[in-house]
Amino acid sequence: MDMLPTYSIDEIFELRKIEIPFQNIFEMAMPFLKTRLNLPHTYIVYQYAQLLLEEEGGSREITLPACILHDVGWSTIPEDKQLTAFGPNGNDMVLRRKHEVEGAAIAKQILGTLRYDETLIPQILKIIDGHDTTRHARSSEDAITKDSDKLFRLSPLGFRIDAERFQEDLKDRVMYLRERMDTWFLTETGKEMAVHELQMRARELQES
């Protein structure tokens, strides 16, 4: 995969950096991304999806809105309950499922307000409604969305955010990712990027 030595992930969100066809979607999503550090998370997921689409193919018009809107449902979950529904100790499947269902409902409202292509909306909502609780690839766009979401954990910012909020030592975080990530990724490009990102995080720790 030619991109590995050259791609970089931007950590500083600005709406103007989003492709024009998707700026309105992101702008309408922003009020729902104020919790759980979901704004930088979503921006980074969006960038990984762009890279994966280049290598794997698939519909940008389905994948990118799904990535932008995939976590808007966390806005309906009280912040003091969120860590029970994701992460190493996140076993509350009711809340995890709720953020998907509520997210699909919010996404439907946003896309409808923007008069987005009605033929694509059901596919976007299906990806959102199951992006965490289904593990197989229901479509190529679903696989890219899931892989992009999980690649955040290995990105420089995502790695730091997760280590802090799960109160993990950075070296322990590397070990956790190394032990778990083999089962996470669905696309070949996603798998290669995950290996590359983890190698970079481990190297950065050695050099620090």
C-alpha atoms as a PDB file:
ATOM      1  CA  MET A   1       0.000   0.000   0.000  1.00  0.00           C
ATOM      2  CA  ASP A   2       1.739   3.119  -1.259  1.00  0.00           C
ATOM      3  CA  MET A   3       0.168   5.577   1.182  1.00  0.00           C
ATOM      4  CA  LEU A   4       1.768   4.179   4.336  1.00  0.00           C
ATOM      5  CA  PRO A   5       5.028   6.138   4.351  1.00  0.00           C
ATOM      6  CA  THR A   6       3.374   9.406   3.323  1.00  0.00           C
ATOM      7  CA  TYR A   7      -0.084   9.932   4.816  1.00  0.00           C
ATOM      8  CA  SER A   8      -0.617  12.065   7.877  1.00  0.00           C
ATOM      9  CA  ILE A   9      -3.629  12.646  10.103  1.00  0.00           C
ATOM     10  CA  ASP A  10      -4.529  16.225  10.988  1.00  0.00           C
ATOM     11  CA  GLU A  11      -5.604  16.735  14.612  1.00  0.00           C
ATOM     12  CA  ILE A  12      -6.879  20.330  14.361  1.00  0.00           C
ATOM     13  CA  PHE A  13     -10.477  20.459  13.179  1.00  0.00           C
ATOM     14  CA  GLU A  14     -11.736  23.307  11.039  1.00  0.00           C
ATOM     15  CA  LEU A  15     -14.964  23.037   9.090  1.00  0.00           C
ATOM     16  CA  ARG A  16     -13.317  24.406   5.944  1.00  0.00           C
ATOM     17  CA  LYS A  17     -11.090  21.296   5.865  1.00  0.00           C
ATOM     18  CA  ILE A  18     -14.116  19.084   5.194  1.00  0.00           C
ATOM     19  CA  GLU A  19     -14.958  18.392   1.563  1.00  0.00           C
ATOM     20  CA  ILE A  20     -17.588  20.898   0.430  1.00  0.00           C
ATOM     21  CA  PRO A  21     -20.336  18.310  -0.302  1.00  0.00           C
ATOM     22  CA  PHE A  22     -20.132  17.135   3.324  1.00  0.00           C
ATOM     23  CA  GLN A  23     -19.525  20.415   5.161  1.00  0.00           C
ATOM     24  CA  ASN A  24     -23.202  21.020   5.927  1.00  0.00           C
ATOM     25  CA  ILE A  25     -23.551  17.535   7.379  1.00  0.00           C
ATOM     26  CA  PHE A  26     -20.554  18.069   9.627  1.00  0.00           C
ATOM     27  CA  GLU A  27     -21.772  21.516  10.655  1.00  0.00           C
ATOM     28  CA  MET A  28     -25.175  20.140  11.672  1.00  0.00           C
ATOM     29  CA  ALA A  29     -23.511  17.247  13.511  1.00  0.00           C
ATOM     30  CA  MET A  30     -21.266  19.489  15.608  1.00  0.00           C
ATOM     31  CA  PRO A  31     -23.800  20.275  18.390  1.00  0.00           C
ATOM     32  CA  PHE A  32     -24.104  16.504  18.937  1.00  0.00           C
ATOM     33  CA  LEU A  33     -20.312  15.995  19.098  1.00  0.00           C
ATOM     34  CA  LYS A  34     -19.607  18.070  22.215  1.00  0.00           C
ATOM     35  CA  THR A  35     -19.336  15.050  24.499  1.00  0.00           C
ATOM     36  CA  ARG A  36     -16.717  12.291  24.802  1.00  0.00           C
ATOM     37  CA  LEU A  37     -14.207  14.300  22.703  1.00  0.00           C
ATOM     38  CA  ASN A  38     -16.285  13.269  19.714  1.00  0.00           C
ATOM     39  CA  LEU A  39     -15.430  16.263  17.532  1.00  0.00           C
ATOM     40  CA  PRO A  40     -11.716  15.405  17.139  1.00  0.00           C
ATOM     41  CA  HIS A  41     -12.646  11.720  17.066  1.00  0.00           C
ATOM     42  CA  THR A  42     -15.065  12.250  14.188  1.00  0.00           C
ATOM     43  CA  TYR A  43     -12.642  14.442  12.259  1.00  0.00           C
ATOM     44  CA  ILE A  44      -9.941  11.787  12.495  1.00  0.00           C
ATOM     45  CA  VAL A  45     -12.362   8.981  11.553  1.00  0.00           C
ATOM     46  CA  TYR A  46     -13.397  11.059   8.527  1.00  0.00           C
ATOM     47  CA  GLN A  47      -9.748  11.337   7.418  1.00  0.00           C
ATOM     48  CA  TYR A  48      -9.100   7.618   7.764  1.00  0.00           C
ATOM     49  CA  ALA A  49     -12.230   6.943   5.725  1.00  0.00           C
ATOM     50  CA  GLN A  50     -10.920   9.158   2.947  1.00  0.00           C
ATOM     51  CA  LEU A  51      -7.693   7.145   2.865  1.00  0.00           C
ATOM     52  CA  LEU A  52      -9.480   3.790   2.961  1.00  0.00           C
ATOM     53  CA  LEU A  53     -11.861   4.812   0.178  1.00  0.00           C
ATOM     54  CA  GLU A  54      -8.882   5.600  -2.046  1.00  0.00           C
ATOM     55  CA  GLU A  55      -7.535   2.069  -1.620  1.00  0.00           C
ATOM     56  CA  GLU A  56     -10.647  -0.031  -1.083  1.00  0.00           C
ATOM     57  CA  GLY A  57     -13.231   1.740  -3.223  1.00  0.00           C
ATOM     58  CA  GLY A  58     -16.823   2.245  -2.171  1.00  0.00           C
ATOM     59  CA  SER A  59     -19.294   5.095  -2.164  1.00  0.00           C
ATOM     60  CA  ARG A  60     -18.014   8.341  -0.688  1.00  0.00           C
ATOM     61  CA  GLU A  61     -21.603   9.599  -0.585  1.00  0.00           C
ATOM     62  CA  ILE A  62     -22.515   6.780   1.812  1.00  0.00           C
ATOM     63  CA  THR A  63     -19.288   6.294   3.764  1.00  0.00           C
ATOM     64  CA  LEU A  64     -18.365   9.879   4.628  1.00  0.00           C
ATOM     65  CA  PRO A  65     -21.791  10.917   5.976  1.00  0.00           C
ATOM     66  CA  ALA A  66     -21.886   7.670   7.971  1.00  0.00           C
ATOM     67  CA  CYS A  67     -18.484   8.472   9.474  1.00  0.00           C
ATOM     68  CA  ILE A  68     -19.435  12.070  10.243  1.00  0.00           C
ATOM     69  CA  LEU A  69     -22.676  11.019  11.939  1.00  0.00           C
ATOM     70  CA  HIS A  70     -21.751   7.652  13.453  1.00  0.00           C
ATOM     71  CA  ASP A  71     -21.353   8.863  17.046  1.00  0.00           C
ATOM     72  CA  VAL A  72     -23.916  11.674  17.314  1.00  0.00           C
ATOM     73  CA  GLY A  73     -26.000   9.337  19.500  1.00  0.00           C
ATOM     74  CA  TRP A  74     -23.543   9.626  22.398  1.00  0.00           C
ATOM     75  CA  SER A  75     -25.083  13.059  22.974  1.00  0.00           C
ATOM     76  CA  THR A  76     -28.111  11.258  24.445  1.00  0.00           C
ATOM     77  CA  ILE A  77     -26.052   9.265  26.985  1.00  0.00           C
ATOM     78  CA  PRO A  78     -25.191  10.952  30.312  1.00  0.00           C
ATOM     79  CA  GLU A  79     -21.466  11.587  30.505  1.00  0.00           C
ATOM     80  CA  ASP A  80     -21.124   9.785  33.815  1.00  0.00           C
ATOM     81  CA  LYS A  81     -22.491   6.625  32.161  1.00  0.00           C
ATOM     82  CA  GLN A  82     -20.515   6.689  28.913  1.00  0.00           C
ATOM     83  CA  LEU A  83     -17.425   4.805  30.109  1.00  0.00           C
ATOM     84  CA  THR A  84     -19.659   1.884  31.077  1.00  0.00           C
ATOM     85  CA  ALA A  85     -20.576   1.434  27.407  1.00  0.00           C
ATOM     86  CA  PHE A  86     -17.224   1.499  25.578  1.00  0.00           C
ATOM     87  CA  GLY A  87     -13.569   0.781  26.139  1.00  0.00           C
ATOM     88  CA  PRO A  88     -11.816  -2.053  27.986  1.00  0.00           C
ATOM     89  CA  ASN A  89     -14.435  -2.142  30.753  1.00  0.00           C
ATOM     90  CA  GLY A  90     -17.417  -1.012  28.714  1.00  0.00           C
ATOM     91  CA  ASN A  91     -19.862  -3.863  29.192  1.00  0.00           C
ATOM     92  CA  ASP A  92     -23.171  -1.985  29.194  1.00  0.00           C
ATOM     93  CA  MET A  93     -24.570  -3.216  25.891  1.00  0.00           C
ATOM     94  CA  VAL A  94     -27.888  -1.448  26.465  1.00  0.00           C
ATOM     95  CA  LEU A  95     -26.227   1.966  26.423  1.00  0.00           C
ATOM     96  CA  ARG A  96     -23.881   1.002  23.606  1.00  0.00           C
ATOM     97  CA  ARG A  97     -26.881  -0.043  21.550  1.00  0.00           C
ATOM     98  CA  LYS A  98     -28.781   3.094  22.537  1.00  0.00           C
ATOM     99  CA  HIS A  99     -26.115   5.379  21.108  1.00  0.00           C
ATOM    100  CA  GLU A 100     -26.458   3.586  17.759  1.00  0.00           C
ATOM    101  CA  VAL A 101     -30.261   3.751  17.665  1.00  0.00           C
ATOM    102  CA  GLU A 102     -30.403   7.362  18.821  1.00  0.00           C
ATOM    103  CA  GLY A 103     -27.576   8.219  16.454  1.00  0.00           C
ATOM    104  CA  ALA A 104     -29.458   6.824  13.487  1.00  0.00           C
ATOM    105  CA  ALA A 105     -32.508   8.881  14.471  1.00  0.00           C
ATOM    106  CA  ILE A 106     -30.461  12.096  14.749  1.00  0.00           C
ATOM    107  CA  ALA A 107     -28.698  11.332  11.469  1.00  0.00           C
ATOM    108  CA  LYS A 108     -32.030  10.783   9.731  1.00  0.00           C
ATOM    109  CA  GLN A 109     -33.201  14.188  10.918  1.00  0.00           C
ATOM    110  CA  ILE A 110     -29.986  15.921   9.800  1.00  0.00           C
ATOM    111  CA  LEU A 111     -29.907  14.275   6.383  1.00  0.00           C
ATOM    112  CA  GLY A 112     -33.596  14.941   5.863  1.00  0.00           C
ATOM    113  CA  THR A 113     -33.207  18.603   6.784  1.00  0.00           C
ATOM    114  CA  LEU A 114     -30.370  18.911   4.264  1.00  0.00           C
ATOM    115  CA  ARG A 115     -32.434  17.092   1.625  1.00  0.00           C
ATOM    116  CA  TYR A 116     -29.654  14.581   1.143  1.00  0.00           C
ATOM    117  CA  ASP A 117     -30.136  11.946  -1.562  1.00  0.00           C
ATOM    118  CA  GLU A 118     -33.086   9.908  -0.297  1.00  0.00           C
ATOM    119  CA  THR A 119     -31.857   6.779  -2.041  1.00  0.00           C
ATOM    120  CA  LEU A 120     -28.655   6.810   0.060  1.00  0.00           C
ATOM    121  CA  ILE A 121     -30.049   7.698   3.482  1.00  0.00           C
ATOM    122  CA  PRO A 122     -31.222   4.155   4.403  1.00  0.00           C
ATOM    123  CA  GLN A 123     -27.737   2.759   3.728  1.00  0.00           C
ATOM    124  CA  ILE A 124     -26.116   5.492   5.819  1.00  0.00           C
ATOM    125  CA  LEU A 125     -28.509   4.876   8.706  1.00  0.00           C
ATOM    126  CA  LYS A 126     -27.933   1.126   8.558  1.00  0.00           C
ATOM    127  CA  ILE A 127     -24.200   1.658   9.013  1.00  0.00           C
ATOM    128  CA  ILE A 128     -24.721   3.971  11.991  1.00  0.00           C
ATOM    129  CA  ASP A 129     -27.245   1.566  13.517  1.00  0.00           C
ATOM    130  CA  GLY A 130     -24.810  -1.260  14.216  1.00  0.00           C
ATOM    131  CA  HIS A 131     -21.348   0.235  13.747  1.00  0.00           C
ATOM    132  CA  ASP A 132     -20.291  -0.932  17.237  1.00  0.00           C
ATOM    133  CA  THR A 133     -22.568  -3.892  17.931  1.00  0.00           C
ATOM    134  CA  THR A 134     -22.078  -5.771  14.652  1.00  0.00           C
ATOM    135  CA  ARG A 135     -18.608  -7.010  13.818  1.00  0.00           C
ATOM    136  CA  HIS A 136     -18.903  -8.342  10.269  1.00  0.00           C
ATOM    137  CA  ALA A 137     -18.868  -6.201   7.135  1.00  0.00           C
ATOM    138  CA  ARG A 138     -22.434  -5.632   5.990  1.00  0.00           C
ATOM    139  CA  SER A 139     -21.158  -3.672   2.974  1.00  0.00           C
ATOM    140  CA  SER A 140     -17.851  -2.230   1.800  1.00  0.00           C
ATOM    141  CA  GLU A 141     -18.954   1.149   3.170  1.00  0.00           C
ATOM    142  CA  ASP A 142     -19.793  -0.428   6.513  1.00  0.00           C
ATOM    143  CA  ALA A 143     -16.366  -2.079   6.653  1.00  0.00           C
ATOM    144  CA  ILE A 144     -14.602   1.210   5.920  1.00  0.00           C
ATOM    145  CA  THR A 145     -16.635   3.051   8.555  1.00  0.00           C
ATOM    146  CA  LYS A 146     -15.855   0.408  11.180  1.00  0.00           C
ATOM    147  CA  ASP A 147     -12.162   0.308  10.305  1.00  0.00           C
ATOM    148  CA  SER A 148     -11.898   4.114  10.321  1.00  0.00           C
ATOM    149  CA  ASP A 149     -13.586   4.245  13.719  1.00  0.00           C
ATOM    150  CA  LYS A 150     -11.153   1.743  15.195  1.00  0.00           C
ATOM    151  CA  LEU A 151      -8.078   3.279  13.552  1.00  0.00           C
ATOM    152  CA  PHE A 152      -8.718   6.313  15.742  1.00  0.00           C
ATOM    153  CA  ARG A 153      -7.553   4.207  18.702  1.00  0.00           C
ATOM    154  CA  LEU A 154      -4.153   3.845  17.051  1.00  0.00           C
ATOM    155  CA  SER A 155      -3.791   7.429  15.835  1.00  0.00           C
ATOM    156  CA  PRO A 156      -1.456   9.711  17.784  1.00  0.00           C
ATOM    157  CA  LEU A 157      -4.320  11.696  19.319  1.00  0.00           C
ATOM    158  CA  GLY A 158      -6.643   8.746  19.839  1.00  0.00           C
ATOM    159  CA  PHE A 159      -3.872   6.765  21.503  1.00  0.00           C
ATOM    160  CA  ARG A 160      -3.261   9.590  23.999  1.00  0.00           C
ATOM    161  CA  ILE A 161      -6.953  10.254  24.616  1.00  0.00           C
ATOM    162  CA  ASP A 162      -7.742   6.604  25.310  1.00  0.00           C
ATOM    163  CA  ALA A 163      -4.729   6.068  27.571  1.00  0.00           C
ATOM    164  CA  GLU A 164      -5.814   9.059  29.648  1.00  0.00           C
ATOM    165  CA  ARG A 165      -9.524   8.301  29.882  1.00  0.00           C
ATOM    166  CA  PHE A 166      -8.978   4.605  30.602  1.00  0.00           C
ATOM    167  CA  GLN A 167      -6.129   5.517  33.002  1.00  0.00           C
ATOM    168  CA  GLU A 168      -3.628   3.273  31.253  1.00  0.00           C
ATOM    169  CA  ASP A 169       0.132   3.551  31.053  1.00  0.00           C
ATOM    170  CA  LEU A 170       1.137   4.238  27.446  1.00  0.00           C
ATOM    171  CA  LYS A 171       3.213   1.045  27.239  1.00  0.00           C
ATOM    172  CA  ASP A 172       0.283  -0.956  28.593  1.00  0.00           C
ATOM    173  CA  ARG A 173      -1.901   0.699  25.984  1.00  0.00           C
ATOM    174  CA  VAL A 174       0.425  -0.509  23.232  1.00  0.00           C
ATOM    175  CA  MET A 175       0.250  -4.046  24.614  1.00  0.00           C
ATOM    176  CA  TYR A 176      -3.554  -3.896  24.812  1.00  0.00           C
ATOM    177  CA  LEU A 177      -3.827  -2.755  21.197  1.00  0.00           C
ATOM    178  CA  ARG A 178      -1.324  -5.359  19.999  1.00  0.00           C
ATOM    179  CA  GLU A 179      -3.265  -8.144  21.711  1.00  0.00           C
ATOM    180  CA  ARG A 180      -6.714  -7.054  20.525  1.00  0.00           C
ATOM    181  CA  MET A 181      -6.481  -5.367  17.159  1.00  0.00           C
ATOM    182  CA  ASP A 182      -6.067  -8.500  15.026  1.00  0.00           C
ATOM    183  CA  THR A 183      -9.803  -9.126  15.353  1.00  0.00           C
ATOM    184  CA  TRP A 184     -10.925  -5.534  14.799  1.00  0.00           C
ATOM    185  CA  PHE A 185     -10.228  -4.744  11.154  1.00  0.00           C
ATOM    186  CA  LEU A 186     -12.204  -5.825   8.113  1.00  0.00           C
ATOM    187  CA  THR A 187     -10.336  -4.370   5.128  1.00  0.00           C
ATOM    188  CA  GLU A 188      -6.822  -5.242   4.044  1.00  0.00           C
ATOM    189  CA  THR A 189      -5.882  -1.571   3.965  1.00  0.00           C
ATOM    190  CA  GLY A 190      -7.269  -1.077   7.461  1.00  0.00           C
ATOM    191  CA  LYS A 191      -5.214  -3.984   8.755  1.00  0.00           C
ATOM    192  CA  GLU A 192      -2.032  -2.618   7.171  1.00  0.00           C
ATOM    193  CA  MET A 193      -2.662   0.876   8.498  1.00  0.00           C
ATOM    194  CA  ALA A 194      -3.303  -0.488  11.989  1.00  0.00           C
ATOM    195  CA  VAL A 195       0.023  -2.339  12.011  1.00  0.00           C
ATOM    196  CA  HIS A 196       1.795   0.771  10.740  1.00  0.00           C
ATOM    197  CA  GLU A 197       0.157   3.048  13.314  1.00  0.00           C
ATOM    198  CA  LEU A 198       0.950   0.725  16.220  1.00  0.00           C
ATOM    199  CA  GLN A 199       4.553   0.462  15.109  1.00  0.00           C
ATOM    200  CA  MET A 200       4.725   4.257  15.094  1.00  0.00           C
ATOM    201  CA  ARG A 201       3.234   4.583  18.588  1.00  0.00           C
ATOM    202  CA  ALA A 202       5.654   1.977  19.964  1.00  0.00           C
ATOM    203  CA  ARG A 203       8.601   3.713  18.275  1.00  0.00           C
ATOM    204  CA  GLU A 204       7.551   7.094  19.660  1.00  0.00           C
ATOM    205  CA  LEU A 205       7.510   5.658  23.188  1.00  0.00           C
ATOM    206  CA  GLN A 206      10.972   4.197  22.747  1.00  0.00           C
ATOM    207  CA  GLU A 207      12.301   7.537  21.561  1.00  0.00           C
ATOM    208  CA  SER A 208      10.636   9.588  24.292  1.00  0.00           C
END
